[in-house]
C-alpha atoms as a PDB file:
ATOM      1  CA  MET A   1       0.000   0.000   0.000  1.00  0.00           C
ATOM      2  CA  LEU A   2       2.846   2.365   0.802  1.00  0.00           C
ATOM      3  CA  PHE A   3       4.291   1.813  -2.662  1.00  0.00           C
ATOM      4  CA  ARG A   4       0.996   2.933  -4.253  1.00  0.00           C
ATOM      5  CA  CYS A   5       0.959   6.067  -2.086  1.00  0.00           C
ATOM      6  CA  LEU A   6       4.535   6.863  -3.093  1.00  0.00           C
ATOM      7  CA  GLU A   7       3.614   6.266  -6.725  1.00  0.00           C
ATOM      8  CA  LEU A   8       0.826   8.828  -6.357  1.00  0.00           C
ATOM      9  CA  VAL A   9       3.231  11.301  -4.757  1.00  0.00           C
ATOM     10  CA  ALA A  10       5.677  10.813  -7.646  1.00  0.00           C
ATOM     11  CA  PHE A  11       2.860  11.346 -10.159  1.00  0.00           C
ATOM     12  CA  ALA A  12       1.422  14.430  -8.463  1.00  0.00           C
ATOM     13  CA  GLY A  13       4.508  15.979  -6.935  1.00  0.00           C
ATOM     14  CA  ASP A  14       7.009  18.446  -8.251  1.00  0.00           C
ATOM     15  CA  GLU A  15      10.396  16.985  -9.237  1.00  0.00           C
ATOM     16  CA  SER A  16      12.323  19.607  -7.279  1.00  0.00           C
ATOM     17  CA  GLU A  17      10.476  18.746  -4.056  1.00  0.00           C
ATOM     18  CA  ILE A  18      11.071  15.024  -4.565  1.00  0.00           C
ATOM     19  CA  GLU A  19      14.747  15.822  -5.103  1.00  0.00           C
ATOM     20  CA  ILE A  20      14.789  17.685  -1.767  1.00  0.00           C
ATOM     21  CA  LEU A  21      13.593  14.514  -0.045  1.00  0.00           C
ATOM     22  CA  GLU A  22      16.194  12.418  -1.846  1.00  0.00           C
ATOM     23  CA  ASN A  23      18.916  14.788  -0.613  1.00  0.00           C
ATOM     24  CA  GLY A  24      17.356  15.014   2.854  1.00  0.00           C
ATOM     25  CA  LYS A  25      20.607  14.832   4.812  1.00  0.00           C
ATOM     26  CA  THR A  26      22.073  17.822   2.993  1.00  0.00           C
ATOM     27  CA  GLU A  27      18.923  19.966   3.330  1.00  0.00           C
ATOM     28  CA  THR A  28      17.700  21.830   6.381  1.00  0.00           C
ATOM     29  CA  ARG A  29      14.950  20.282   8.450  1.00  0.00           C
ATOM     30  CA  ALA A  30      12.544  23.143   7.601  1.00  0.00           C
ATOM     31  CA  THR A  31      13.154  22.715   3.859  1.00  0.00           C
ATOM     32  CA  VAL A  32      12.430  18.982   4.037  1.00  0.00           C
ATOM     33  CA  LYS A  33       9.321  19.583   6.134  1.00  0.00           C
ATOM     34  CA  ASP A  34       7.995  22.191   3.674  1.00  0.00           C
ATOM     35  CA  ALA A  35       8.676  19.936   0.684  1.00  0.00           C
ATOM     36  CA  THR A  36       6.935  17.032   2.432  1.00  0.00           C
ATOM     37  CA  TYR A  37       3.886  19.159   3.161  1.00  0.00           C
ATOM     38  CA  ARG A  38       3.670  20.361  -0.470  1.00  0.00           C
ATOM     39  CA  LEU A  39       4.015  16.793  -1.783  1.00  0.00           C
ATOM     40  CA  GLU A  40       1.343  15.542   0.619  1.00  0.00           C
ATOM     41  CA  THR A  41      -1.035  18.315  -0.425  1.00  0.00           C
ATOM     42  CA  ALA A  42      -0.362  17.645  -4.120  1.00  0.00           C
ATOM     43  CA  ALA A  43      -1.029  13.914  -3.637  1.00  0.00           C
ATOM     44  CA  HIS A  44      -4.319  14.601  -1.835  1.00  0.00           C
ATOM     45  CA  ALA A  45      -5.432  17.026  -4.530  1.00  0.00           C
ATOM     46  CA  GLN A  46      -4.457  14.604  -7.299  1.00  0.00           C
ATOM     47  CA  LEU A  47      -6.356  11.737  -5.676  1.00  0.00           C
ATOM     48  CA  VAL A  48      -9.475  13.883  -5.349  1.00  0.00           C
ATOM     49  CA  GLU A  49      -9.115  14.772  -9.042  1.00  0.00           C
ATOM     50  CA  LEU A  50      -8.618  11.135 -10.067  1.00  0.00           C
ATOM     51  CA  GLU A  51     -11.749  10.177  -8.177  1.00  0.00           C
ATOM     52  CA  ASP A  52     -13.631  13.001  -9.925  1.00  0.00           C
ATOM     53  CA  SER A  53     -14.730  14.314  -6.558  1.00  0.00           C
ATOM     54  CA  SER A  54     -16.061  17.763  -5.783  1.00  0.00           C
ATOM     55  CA  ILE A  55     -14.208  17.975  -2.463  1.00  0.00           C
ATOM     56  CA  ASP A  56     -11.990  21.029  -2.104  1.00  0.00           C
ATOM     57  CA  ILE A  57      -9.177  20.035   0.225  1.00  0.00           C
ATOM     58  CA  ASN A  58      -7.842  23.590   0.324  1.00  0.00           C
ATOM     59  CA  GLU A  59     -10.941  25.033   1.941  1.00  0.00           C
ATOM     60  CA  ARG A  60     -11.168  24.748   5.684  1.00  0.00           C
ATOM     61  CA  SER A  61     -13.783  22.278   6.725  1.00  0.00           C
ATOM     62  CA  LYS A  62     -14.887  20.378   9.790  1.00  0.00           C
ATOM     63  CA  ARG A  63     -13.749  17.177   8.102  1.00  0.00           C
ATOM     64  CA  PRO A  64     -10.279  16.240   9.378  1.00  0.00           C
ATOM     65  CA  LYS A  65      -7.471  15.743   6.887  1.00  0.00           C
ATOM     66  CA  LYS A  66      -7.138  12.161   8.135  1.00  0.00           C
ATOM     67  CA  THR A  67     -10.287  11.235   6.200  1.00  0.00           C
ATOM     68  CA  PHE A  68      -8.558  12.224   2.964  1.00  0.00           C
ATOM     69  CA  THR A  69      -5.657   9.895   3.761  1.00  0.00           C
ATOM     70  CA  THR A  70      -7.603   6.853   4.931  1.00  0.00           C
ATOM     71  CA  GLY A  71      -7.387   4.022   2.451  1.00  0.00           C
ATOM     72  CA  MET A  72      -5.237   5.996   0.025  1.00  0.00           C
ATOM     73  CA  GLY A  73      -3.339   2.919  -1.173  1.00  0.00           C
ATOM     74  CA  ASN A  74      -6.595   1.061  -1.876  1.00  0.00           C
ATOM     75  CA  ARG A  75      -8.048   4.117  -3.622  1.00  0.00           C
ATOM     76  CA  VAL A  76      -4.996   4.281  -5.904  1.00  0.00           C
ATOM     77  CA  LYS A  77      -5.356   0.532  -6.555  1.00  0.00           C
ATOM     78  CA  GLU A  78      -9.009   0.965  -7.558  1.00  0.00           C
ATOM     79  CA  TYR A  79      -8.052   3.772  -9.939  1.00  0.00           C
ATOM     80  CA  LYS A  80      -5.323   1.614 -11.472  1.00  0.00           C
ATOM     81  CA  LYS A  81      -7.901  -1.166 -11.947  1.00  0.00           C
ATOM     82  CA  ARG A  82      -9.992   1.287 -13.989  1.00  0.00           C
ATOM     83  CA  VAL A  83      -6.920   2.115 -16.079  1.00  0.00           C
ATOM     84  CA  TRP A  84      -6.247  -1.624 -16.503  1.00  0.00           C
ATOM     85  CA  ALA A  85      -9.787  -2.282 -17.755  1.00  0.00           C
ATOM     86  CA  ALA A  86      -9.848   0.796 -19.998  1.00  0.00           C
ATOM     87  CA  SER A  87      -6.570  -0.317 -21.578  1.00  0.00           C
ATOM     88  CA  GLY A  88      -8.332  -3.447 -22.799  1.00  0.00           C
ATOM     89  CA  ASN A  89      -6.397  -5.785 -20.524  1.00  0.00           C
ATOM     90  CA  VAL A  90      -8.057  -9.005 -19.465  1.00  0.00           C
ATOM     91  CA  GLY A  91      -7.176 -11.563 -16.868  1.00  0.00           C
ATOM     92  CA  LYS A  92      -5.718 -11.068 -13.428  1.00  0.00           C
ATOM     93  CA  PHE A  93      -5.027  -7.443 -12.491  1.00  0.00           C
ATOM     94  CA  ASP A  94      -1.321  -6.581 -12.291  1.00  0.00           C
ATOM     95  CA  ALA A  95      -0.795  -3.266 -10.495  1.00  0.00           C
ATOM     96  CA  ALA A  96       2.873  -3.122 -11.475  1.00  0.00           C
ATOM     97  CA  ALA A  97       1.969  -3.226 -15.173  1.00  0.00           C
ATOM     98  CA  VAL A  98      -0.278  -0.152 -14.936  1.00  0.00           C
ATOM     99  CA  SER A  99       0.770   3.447 -14.424  1.00  0.00           C
ATOM    100  CA  ILE A 100      -1.349   6.253 -13.044  1.00  0.00           C
ATOM    101  CA  ILE A 101      -2.625   8.457 -15.851  1.00  0.00           C
ATOM    102  CA  GLU A 102      -4.534  11.720 -15.953  1.00  0.00           C
ATOM    103  CA  TYR A 103      -8.276  11.437 -15.295  1.00  0.00           C
ATOM    104  CA  ASP A 104      -9.208  12.961 -18.672  1.00  0.00           C
ATOM    105  CA  ALA A 105      -7.093  10.384 -20.487  1.00  0.00           C
ATOM    106  CA  LEU A 106      -8.801   7.595 -18.530  1.00  0.00           C
ATOM    107  CA  LYS A 107     -12.260   8.919 -19.379  1.00  0.00           C
ATOM    108  CA  GLN A 108     -11.307   9.034 -23.054  1.00  0.00           C
ATOM    109  CA  MET A 109      -9.982   5.464 -22.919  1.00  0.00           C
ATOM    110  CA  GLU A 110     -13.152   4.273 -21.191  1.00  0.00           C
ATOM    111  CA  GLN A 111     -15.277   6.002 -23.792  1.00  0.00           C
ATOM    112  CA  GLN A 112     -13.358   4.311 -26.590  1.00  0.00           C
ATOM    113  CA  GLN A 113     -14.093   0.941 -24.964  1.00  0.00           C
ATOM    114  CA  GLN A 114     -17.828   1.599 -25.209  1.00  0.00           C
ATOM    115  CA  PRO A 115     -19.202   0.130 -28.429  1.00  0.00           C
ATOM    116  CA  GLY A 116     -21.035   2.453 -30.796  1.00  0.00           C
ATOM    117  CA  THR A 117     -20.155   5.747 -29.114  1.00  0.00           C
ATOM    118  CA  PRO A 118     -18.729   8.450 -31.387  1.00  0.00           C
ATOM    119  CA  VAL A 119     -15.537  10.074 -30.111  1.00  0.00           C
ATOM    120  CA  ASP A 120     -17.106  13.504 -29.551  1.00  0.00           C
ATOM    121  CA  HIS A 121     -20.207  12.205 -27.701  1.00  0.00           C
ATOM    122  CA  ARG A 122     -20.983  10.627 -24.345  1.00  0.00           C
ATOM    123  CA  ASN A 123     -22.651   7.258 -24.409  1.00  0.00           C
ATOM    124  CA  VAL A 124     -26.040   6.711 -22.800  1.00  0.00           C
ATOM    125  CA  MET A 125     -24.613   4.618 -19.934  1.00  0.00           C
ATOM    126  CA  SER A 126     -22.485   7.549 -18.758  1.00  0.00           C
ATOM    127  CA  TYR A 127     -25.656   9.361 -17.749  1.00  0.00           C
ATOM    128  CA  PHE A 128     -26.733   6.451 -15.567  1.00  0.00           C
ATOM    129  CA  ASN A 129     -23.297   6.093 -13.960  1.00  0.00           C
ATOM    130  CA  ARG A 130     -23.638   9.551 -12.425  1.00  0.00           C
ATOM    131  CA  LEU A 131     -26.810   8.624 -10.486  1.00  0.00           C
END
């Protein structure tokens, strides 16, 4: 599960901040802490985007941040399963064979898997999936 969380951080995070963590012993404690916070925030925001959620993690709410973190590895796994299926793969799911992709690219791949749907239109089932 930790590997999936780190994969999400690598996907969502800024390369310079990841580099700060890699060079942690040569950086100041405050710099590492700031980079970690920015990477965590980017990962949370990316996960909310991948789940096509309307939650705004930047606005202050009564909901604790812990609820955004709970089950993050499983949530990444479920997203990767969607990517696996949209890629046309069959058989046993292999998480290592699938990379995290942008949500818009996934939606386009899923739409292409739907028979009879023109590229520039939504299929009828997509209206029912939103209910």
